[in-house]
């Protein structure tokens, strides 16, 4: 049934007529791929809510797929670790995306005079960091189990973009900007040599527009329990539950919704419990199109309502994630270090995110090497320094760059 849309004060609103149940398309559970850097997922299972249906939380048991990509964010107090939100890996280089308000306590610990408005937040050193971690997936979990120490991946830096202070008194006292321009942040973590395997989710930054009545899936960690914590050894026993909620988009806000919801986003009818903040919001194609920002739990008057940041309408996203191709989900951009003056040998080398890192590798190569801009589709074979250290699969191809596409040869 064709519907007429009307524009009102920057808000897409649905007309009074809605499809009847017989006209609405049947619900089909989404398939969401989680790409290990060097391995295509063999089988992507549907995220099935079972009898729970749409609008309510349900348990997701996918320890070798989504749980490798989506992680709880933790901090600690005198009694041990506890969960404060959710994050998910996006690039195969251990960069996670989350909501800024999940990790704003890290930013607040910085000297704000060193922060520049409109520029990414510089990484903190572990010595100045508040205690903050992500908990990597440890495989199949039944009940309460011990956590290996390398599953606690320490956060060593966050990325975000801050606004101008606009307060002359603060500027006079040398206080820098501290207000985020978007409720999005990147989280960078240290990975131990025995860390569990990890995966990334594909991001759809351009080419998707939310439609009122469309179904989306939010995933996060509203429940996480710890016992017997040993902070010196970074071990504990725990009981976690990764939850999903299918919901229906009810309104779209391309210019944000007032001061509290200033970022472009969309409203979803669904119960998003506390702890899901920072988690991915996924479309029916299995692509991340938003991030859980805020929610109102159900009450006697009706169901819950969530607000998601719309990645495709937020101008800050590409600045936060320059390594992600905005038009091709699952493709990352970086630098290939190849032997030879012209990089003709594409069967050996390295593919890294940072230009300075690539230059260092080329300068310290035992044979002459050159640096080239390149792109790579996650899940296809490539030589990657982190893969070479962490891959437990001896059959994984770790000595070829045949799937890396050179986009600009011989950069300085």
Protein backbone atom coordinates (compact mmCIF):
# COMPACT_ATOMS: atom_id res chain seq x y z
CA UNK A 1 0.00 0.00 0.00
CA UNK A 2 1.48 3.32 -1.05
CA UNK A 3 1.56 5.93 1.66
CA UNK A 4 1.88 9.69 1.50
CA UNK A 5 4.59 11.22 3.67
CA UNK A 6 4.62 14.73 5.02
CA UNK A 7 7.42 16.84 6.35
CA UNK A 8 6.92 18.75 9.58
CA UNK A 9 9.59 20.70 11.48
CA UNK A 10 12.43 18.44 10.39
CA UNK A 11 10.59 15.26 11.40
CA UNK A 12 9.35 12.48 9.18
CA UNK A 13 5.91 11.52 10.42
CA UNK A 14 3.75 8.63 9.48
CA UNK A 15 0.21 9.38 8.25
CA UNK A 16 -2.78 8.33 10.27
CA UNK A 17 -3.43 5.30 8.05
CA UNK A 18 -1.27 2.27 8.86
CA UNK A 19 -1.09 -1.12 7.19
CA UNK A 20 -3.37 -3.78 8.60
CA UNK A 21 -1.69 -6.98 9.83
CA UNK A 22 -2.66 -8.73 6.61
CA UNK A 23 -0.95 -6.00 4.55
CA UNK A 24 2.26 -5.91 6.61
CA UNK A 25 5.09 -8.14 5.30
CA UNK A 26 5.79 -11.27 7.38
CA UNK A 27 8.61 -10.92 9.90
CA UNK A 28 11.81 -12.77 8.99
CA UNK A 29 14.67 -12.93 11.56
CA UNK A 30 17.79 -11.07 10.43
CA UNK A 31 21.09 -12.72 9.53
CA UNK A 32 23.97 -10.60 10.85
CA UNK A 33 27.48 -11.57 9.67
CA UNK A 34 30.40 -11.18 12.08
CA UNK A 35 33.62 -11.12 10.07
CA UNK A 36 36.87 -12.37 11.49
CA UNK A 37 39.57 -10.39 9.73
CA UNK A 38 40.91 -13.29 7.70
CA UNK A 39 37.97 -15.68 7.62
CA UNK A 40 34.56 -15.48 5.97
CA UNK A 41 31.80 -16.76 8.29
CA UNK A 42 30.86 -20.23 7.09
CA UNK A 43 27.25 -19.99 8.21
CA UNK A 44 25.35 -16.99 9.48
CA UNK A 45 22.48 -18.08 11.68
CA UNK A 46 19.29 -16.02 11.89
CA UNK A 47 18.89 -13.99 15.09
CA UNK A 48 15.57 -15.54 16.03
CA UNK A 49 13.50 -14.03 18.87
CA UNK A 50 11.39 -17.18 19.13
CA UNK A 51 8.09 -16.74 20.91
CA UNK A 52 9.20 -13.35 22.33
CA UNK A 53 8.46 -11.62 19.03
CA UNK A 54 8.97 -7.94 18.25
CA UNK A 55 9.42 -5.24 20.88
CA UNK A 56 10.75 -7.31 23.81
CA UNK A 57 14.27 -8.46 24.79
CA UNK A 58 15.35 -12.02 24.03
CA UNK A 59 18.55 -13.96 24.69
CA UNK A 60 21.07 -14.35 21.83
CA UNK A 61 23.27 -17.42 22.00
CA UNK A 62 25.92 -16.95 19.31
CA UNK A 63 29.30 -17.39 21.06
CA UNK A 64 31.29 -17.97 17.86
CA UNK A 65 29.67 -15.21 15.81
CA UNK A 66 28.08 -12.05 17.20
CA UNK A 67 29.63 -12.46 20.66
CA UNK A 68 33.08 -12.16 19.10
CA UNK A 69 32.13 -8.75 17.69
CA UNK A 70 29.82 -7.27 20.36
CA UNK A 71 31.27 -6.77 23.84
CA UNK A 72 30.25 -5.36 27.22
CA UNK A 73 32.13 -2.28 28.47
CA UNK A 74 33.26 -2.55 32.08
CA UNK A 75 34.75 -0.46 34.83
CA UNK A 76 35.66 -1.43 38.39
CA UNK A 77 35.13 -0.27 41.93
CA UNK A 78 36.32 -1.62 45.25
CA UNK A 79 34.08 -4.67 44.88
CA UNK A 80 35.07 -5.67 41.34
CA UNK A 81 34.04 -5.12 37.71
CA UNK A 82 30.57 -4.16 36.54
CA UNK A 83 29.00 -3.44 33.17
CA UNK A 84 28.26 0.11 31.98
CA UNK A 85 27.32 -0.39 28.33
CA UNK A 86 28.07 -2.10 25.04
CA UNK A 87 30.52 -1.67 22.15
CA UNK A 88 31.26 -3.51 18.91
CA UNK A 89 34.33 -3.92 16.70
CA UNK A 90 34.19 -2.34 13.25
CA UNK A 91 37.55 -2.64 11.49
CA UNK A 92 39.51 -5.79 12.41
CA UNK A 93 42.12 -3.56 14.07
CA UNK A 94 40.55 -3.66 17.55
CA UNK A 95 38.64 -0.39 17.17
CA UNK A 96 35.21 -0.52 18.78
CA UNK A 97 32.30 1.87 18.36
CA UNK A 98 30.02 2.83 21.25
CA UNK A 99 27.93 5.71 22.60
CA UNK A 100 29.94 8.59 24.00
CA UNK A 101 28.00 8.66 27.26
CA UNK A 102 29.16 5.08 27.97
CA UNK A 103 32.81 6.17 28.12
CA UNK A 104 32.50 9.88 28.96
CA UNK A 105 34.07 9.23 32.39
CA UNK A 106 37.32 8.50 30.53
CA UNK A 107 37.20 11.81 28.68
CA UNK A 108 36.42 13.67 31.89
CA UNK A 109 39.64 12.30 33.40
CA UNK A 110 41.69 14.11 30.76
CA UNK A 111 43.22 17.56 30.94
CA UNK A 112 40.63 19.39 28.83
CA UNK A 113 43.15 22.10 27.94
CA UNK A 114 44.84 19.57 25.66
CA UNK A 115 41.62 18.90 23.75
CA UNK A 116 40.88 20.77 20.54
CA UNK A 117 37.34 21.46 19.34
CA UNK A 118 36.44 19.63 16.15
CA UNK A 119 39.46 17.29 16.44
CA UNK A 120 39.56 13.62 17.52
CA UNK A 121 40.38 13.07 21.17
CA UNK A 122 44.00 11.91 21.55
CA UNK A 123 44.62 8.52 23.14
CA UNK A 124 45.34 8.39 26.84
CA UNK A 125 48.16 6.32 28.29
CA UNK A 126 47.27 3.41 30.59
CA UNK A 127 48.84 5.26 33.53
CA UNK A 128 46.29 8.08 33.27
CA UNK A 129 43.27 5.95 32.36
CA UNK A 130 40.42 5.29 34.75
CA UNK A 131 39.84 1.51 35.00
CA UNK A 132 37.97 0.56 31.84
CA UNK A 133 37.83 -2.68 29.84
CA UNK A 134 35.86 -4.59 27.26
CA UNK A 135 35.14 -8.24 27.94
CA UNK A 136 35.95 -10.37 24.90
CA UNK A 137 33.90 -13.46 24.12
CA UNK A 138 35.25 -16.66 25.68
CA UNK A 139 33.22 -19.19 23.71
CA UNK A 140 30.38 -21.34 24.95
CA UNK A 141 29.22 -20.34 28.43
CA UNK A 142 26.98 -22.45 30.66
CA UNK A 143 26.08 -20.77 33.92
CA UNK A 144 28.86 -19.13 35.92
CA UNK A 145 32.36 -19.75 34.55
CA UNK A 146 35.86 -18.36 35.22
CA UNK A 147 37.13 -15.65 32.88
CA UNK A 148 40.69 -15.92 31.53
CA UNK A 149 42.71 -12.77 32.19
CA UNK A 150 43.30 -12.00 28.49
CA UNK A 151 39.55 -11.76 27.96
CA UNK A 152 39.69 -8.46 29.88
CA UNK A 153 41.00 -6.10 27.17
CA UNK A 154 42.05 -2.81 28.70
CA UNK A 155 40.87 0.38 27.02
CA UNK A 156 43.89 2.58 26.31
CA UNK A 157 42.22 5.38 24.38
CA UNK A 158 38.96 6.78 23.11
CA UNK A 159 38.09 8.82 20.05
CA UNK A 160 35.48 11.53 19.90
CA UNK A 161 34.90 15.01 18.51
CA UNK A 162 34.18 17.88 20.88
CA UNK A 163 32.30 21.12 20.40
CA UNK A 164 33.42 24.69 21.01
CA UNK A 165 33.01 25.62 24.65
CA UNK A 166 31.16 28.88 24.00
CA UNK A 167 31.73 29.93 27.61
CA UNK A 168 34.09 32.94 28.01
CA UNK A 169 34.62 32.24 31.73
CA UNK A 170 35.80 28.70 31.06
CA UNK A 171 38.07 29.93 28.28
CA UNK A 172 39.55 32.58 30.60
CA UNK A 173 40.42 29.88 33.12
CA UNK A 174 42.04 27.68 30.48
CA UNK A 175 39.32 25.04 30.47
CA UNK A 176 39.07 23.34 27.08
CA UNK A 177 36.09 21.85 25.25
CA UNK A 178 34.36 18.95 26.92
CA UNK A 179 31.00 18.67 25.19
CA UNK A 180 30.80 15.94 22.52
CA UNK A 181 29.46 16.93 19.11
CA UNK A 182 27.86 13.50 18.82
CA UNK A 183 26.90 10.69 21.19
CA UNK A 184 29.41 8.44 19.43
CA UNK A 185 32.92 7.42 20.46
CA UNK A 186 35.55 4.95 19.37
CA UNK A 187 37.25 2.72 21.91
CA UNK A 188 40.77 1.38 21.40
CA UNK A 189 41.85 -1.68 23.40
CA UNK A 190 45.03 -3.60 24.16
CA UNK A 191 44.90 -7.23 23.08
CA UNK A 192 46.91 -9.87 24.95
CA UNK A 193 48.77 -12.72 23.20
CA UNK A 194 46.20 -15.28 24.37
CA UNK A 195 43.11 -13.15 23.81
CA UNK A 196 40.00 -14.85 22.41
CA UNK A 197 39.28 -14.52 18.71
CA UNK A 198 37.45 -11.39 17.63
CA UNK A 199 35.20 -10.31 14.75
CA UNK A 200 33.82 -7.12 13.19
CA UNK A 201 30.37 -6.02 12.09
CA UNK A 202 29.73 -4.33 8.70
CA UNK A 203 28.76 -0.64 8.91
CA UNK A 204 26.37 1.01 6.47
CA UNK A 205 27.29 4.70 6.69
CA UNK A 206 25.84 5.81 3.36
CA UNK A 207 23.02 4.47 1.23
CA UNK A 208 20.39 3.66 3.89
CA UNK A 209 17.54 5.87 5.05
CA UNK A 210 15.28 4.78 7.95
CA UNK A 211 11.63 4.29 7.05
CA UNK A 212 8.75 4.55 9.47
CA UNK A 213 7.36 1.06 9.99
CA UNK A 214 10.71 -0.62 9.23
CA UNK A 215 12.01 -3.27 11.63
CA UNK A 216 15.50 -2.97 13.13
CA UNK A 217 17.44 -5.07 15.64
CA UNK A 218 19.34 -3.68 18.66
CA UNK A 219 21.87 -5.83 20.57
CA UNK A 220 23.60 -5.26 23.90
CA UNK A 221 24.39 -6.46 27.41
CA UNK A 222 21.74 -5.41 29.95
CA UNK A 223 22.80 -8.08 32.43
CA UNK A 224 26.29 -9.01 33.61
CA UNK A 225 27.15 -10.54 36.96
CA UNK A 226 30.60 -11.12 38.50
CA UNK A 227 31.79 -13.13 41.48
CA UNK A 228 35.16 -13.85 43.09
CA UNK A 229 36.98 -11.00 41.31
CA UNK A 230 40.78 -10.99 41.52
CA UNK A 231 41.77 -7.50 40.37
CA UNK A 232 45.50 -8.25 40.61
CA UNK A 233 45.24 -11.18 38.19
CA UNK A 234 42.26 -9.68 36.29
CA UNK A 235 40.19 -12.83 36.64
CA UNK A 236 36.66 -13.46 37.87
CA UNK A 237 33.70 -15.75 37.56
CA UNK A 238 30.80 -14.33 35.63
CA UNK A 239 27.36 -14.79 34.21
CA UNK A 240 26.42 -12.70 31.17
CA UNK A 241 23.50 -12.39 28.81
CA UNK A 242 23.67 -10.82 25.36
CA UNK A 243 20.20 -9.61 24.46
CA UNK A 244 18.51 -8.54 21.27
CA UNK A 245 15.36 -6.49 20.69
CA UNK A 246 13.53 -6.22 17.39
CA UNK A 247 11.67 -2.92 17.17
CA UNK A 248 9.72 -0.80 14.71
CA UNK A 249 10.90 2.64 13.59
CA UNK A 250 8.21 5.13 14.58
CA UNK A 251 9.79 8.51 13.74
CA UNK A 252 12.90 9.82 11.98
CA UNK A 253 14.83 12.91 13.09
CA UNK A 254 17.40 13.92 10.45
CA UNK A 255 18.29 17.07 12.41
CA UNK A 256 18.04 15.61 15.90
CA UNK A 257 15.29 15.94 18.45
CA UNK A 258 15.82 18.91 20.73
CA UNK A 259 18.72 19.50 23.08
CA UNK A 260 18.67 16.07 24.74
CA UNK A 261 18.70 14.18 21.44
CA UNK A 262 20.73 16.56 19.30
CA UNK A 263 22.16 13.95 16.93
CA UNK A 264 20.40 12.77 13.78
CA UNK A 265 18.57 9.62 14.70
CA UNK A 266 15.42 7.58 14.65
CA UNK A 267 12.97 6.48 17.30
CA UNK A 268 12.18 2.80 17.74
CA UNK A 269 9.24 1.20 19.52
CA UNK A 270 10.89 -1.47 21.63
CA UNK A 271 12.14 -2.22 25.13
CA UNK A 272 15.87 -1.40 25.25
CA UNK A 273 17.05 -2.17 28.80
CA UNK A 274 19.83 -0.27 30.53
CA UNK A 275 23.22 -1.63 29.49
CA UNK A 276 22.39 -1.75 25.79
CA UNK A 277 23.69 1.81 25.27
CA UNK A 278 26.43 1.80 22.66
CA UNK A 279 25.20 -1.40 21.04
CA UNK A 280 24.60 -1.79 17.30
CA UNK A 281 21.26 -1.15 15.63
CA UNK A 282 21.00 -3.37 12.55
CA UNK A 283 18.82 -3.35 9.43
CA UNK A 284 17.31 -6.33 7.64
CA UNK A 285 20.41 -6.63 5.41
CA UNK A 286 22.54 -7.40 8.49
CA UNK A 287 24.30 -3.99 8.39
CA UNK A 288 24.87 -1.68 11.35
CA UNK A 289 22.98 1.54 10.60
CA UNK A 290 22.74 3.05 14.08
CA UNK A 291 23.95 2.98 17.69
CA UNK A 292 21.76 2.69 20.78
CA UNK A 293 21.75 6.10 22.48
CA UNK A 294 18.81 6.48 24.88
CA UNK A 295 15.67 4.62 25.86
CA UNK A 296 12.52 4.81 27.94
CA UNK A 297 11.42 1.55 29.52
CA UNK A 298 7.81 0.33 29.22
CA UNK A 299 5.26 1.52 31.78
CA UNK A 300 1.58 1.06 32.43
CA UNK A 301 0.72 3.46 29.61
CA UNK A 302 2.57 1.67 26.83
CA UNK A 303 5.70 0.01 25.47
CA UNK A 304 9.26 1.20 25.58
CA UNK A 305 10.82 3.65 23.15
CA UNK A 306 14.47 3.83 22.10
CA UNK A 307 16.51 6.48 20.31
CA UNK A 308 19.32 5.43 17.94
CA UNK A 309 22.05 7.56 16.38
CA UNK A 310 21.63 7.38 12.60
CA UNK A 311 25.13 6.76 11.23
CA UNK A 312 24.30 7.88 7.70
CA UNK A 313 23.05 11.31 8.77
CA UNK A 314 25.71 12.13 11.38
CA UNK A 315 28.49 14.21 9.81
CA UNK A 316 30.91 13.19 12.57
CA UNK A 317 30.98 9.47 11.70
CA UNK A 318 33.46 9.61 8.84
CA UNK A 319 35.79 11.76 10.95
CA UNK A 320 35.65 9.21 13.77
CA UNK A 321 36.10 6.22 11.45
CA UNK A 322 38.25 7.28 8.48
CA UNK A 323 39.38 3.66 8.06
CA UNK A 324 35.82 2.51 7.22
CA UNK A 325 34.54 2.74 3.65
CA UNK A 326 31.27 4.66 4.06
CA UNK A 327 29.63 3.18 0.96
CA UNK A 328 30.66 -0.49 1.15
CA UNK A 329 29.84 -2.28 4.42
CA UNK A 330 32.64 -4.58 5.52
CA UNK A 331 35.39 -2.75 3.60
CA UNK A 332 38.21 -1.04 5.48
CA UNK A 333 40.82 1.42 4.24
CA UNK A 334 44.45 1.45 5.29
CA UNK A 335 48.05 1.22 4.16
CA UNK A 336 49.78 -1.73 2.49
CA UNK A 337 53.52 -2.12 3.07
CA UNK A 338 54.90 -4.06 0.10
CA UNK A 339 58.41 -5.22 -0.82
CA UNK A 340 60.16 -3.53 -3.72
CA UNK A 341 60.40 0.10 -4.82
CA UNK A 342 57.08 -0.04 -6.68
CA UNK A 343 55.27 -2.55 -4.51
CA UNK A 344 54.96 -5.00 -7.37
CA UNK A 345 55.02 -8.02 -5.05
CA UNK A 346 51.50 -8.19 -3.62
CA UNK A 347 51.96 -11.68 -2.18
CA UNK A 348 53.96 -10.45 0.81
CA UNK A 349 53.73 -7.47 3.11
CA UNK A 350 51.48 -5.96 5.77
CA UNK A 351 48.20 -4.06 5.88
CA UNK A 352 47.77 -1.61 8.77
CA UNK A 353 45.42 1.22 9.75
CA UNK A 354 47.90 3.97 10.64
CA UNK A 355 50.07 5.77 8.10
CA UNK A 356 52.84 6.38 10.62
CA UNK A 357 52.86 2.68 11.54
CA UNK A 358 53.11 1.77 7.85
CA UNK A 359 56.02 4.19 7.37
CA UNK A 360 57.83 2.68 10.37
CA UNK A 361 57.37 -0.85 8.98
CA UNK A 362 58.75 0.23 5.60
CA UNK A 363 61.75 1.97 7.16
CA UNK A 364 62.57 -1.05 9.33
CA UNK A 365 61.94 -3.70 6.69
CA UNK A 366 64.94 -6.03 6.08
CA UNK A 367 64.39 -5.45 2.34
CA UNK A 368 63.32 -2.25 0.54
CA UNK A 369 59.57 -1.66 0.92
CA UNK A 370 57.05 0.99 -0.07
CA UNK A 371 53.76 2.23 1.40
CA UNK A 372 50.52 2.34 -0.60
CA UNK A 373 46.95 3.33 0.16
CA UNK A 374 44.77 0.23 -0.02
CA UNK A 375 41.41 -1.26 0.88
CA UNK A 376 40.39 -4.69 2.11
CA UNK A 377 37.09 -6.51 2.56
CA UNK A 378 36.87 -8.05 6.02
CA UNK A 379 36.75 -11.82 5.94
CA UNK A 380 39.03 -12.20 2.93
CA UNK A 381 42.64 -13.44 3.27
CA UNK A 382 45.30 -10.84 3.99
CA UNK A 383 48.52 -10.57 5.92
CA UNK A 384 47.88 -8.40 8.95
CA UNK A 385 50.31 -7.93 11.83
CA UNK A 386 47.59 -8.51 14.44
CA UNK A 387 46.30 -11.58 12.59
CA UNK A 388 49.76 -13.06 12.47
CA UNK A 389 50.05 -12.78 16.24
CA UNK A 390 46.53 -13.80 17.21
CA UNK A 391 45.32 -16.31 14.61
CA UNK A 392 44.93 -19.77 16.22
CA UNK A 393 44.07 -21.36 12.88
CA UNK A 394 47.28 -22.61 11.29
CA UNK A 395 45.48 -23.12 7.99
CA UNK A 396 44.54 -19.45 7.72
CA UNK A 397 46.49 -17.72 4.93
CA UNK A 398 48.84 -15.36 6.72
CA UNK A 399 51.44 -14.68 4.02
CA UNK A 400 49.47 -13.23 1.12
CA UNK A 401 47.95 -9.89 0.25
CA UNK A 402 46.02 -11.11 -2.77
CA UNK A 403 42.72 -9.63 -1.53
CA UNK A 404 44.06 -6.15 -0.79
CA UNK A 405 43.26 -3.61 -3.50
CA UNK A 406 45.87 -0.89 -4.02
CA UNK A 407 44.11 2.46 -4.48
CA UNK A 408 47.16 4.77 -4.59
CA UNK A 409 50.72 3.59 -5.16
CA UNK A 410 53.86 4.94 -3.60
CA UNK A 411 52.57 7.54 -1.13
CA UNK A 412 55.14 9.50 0.81
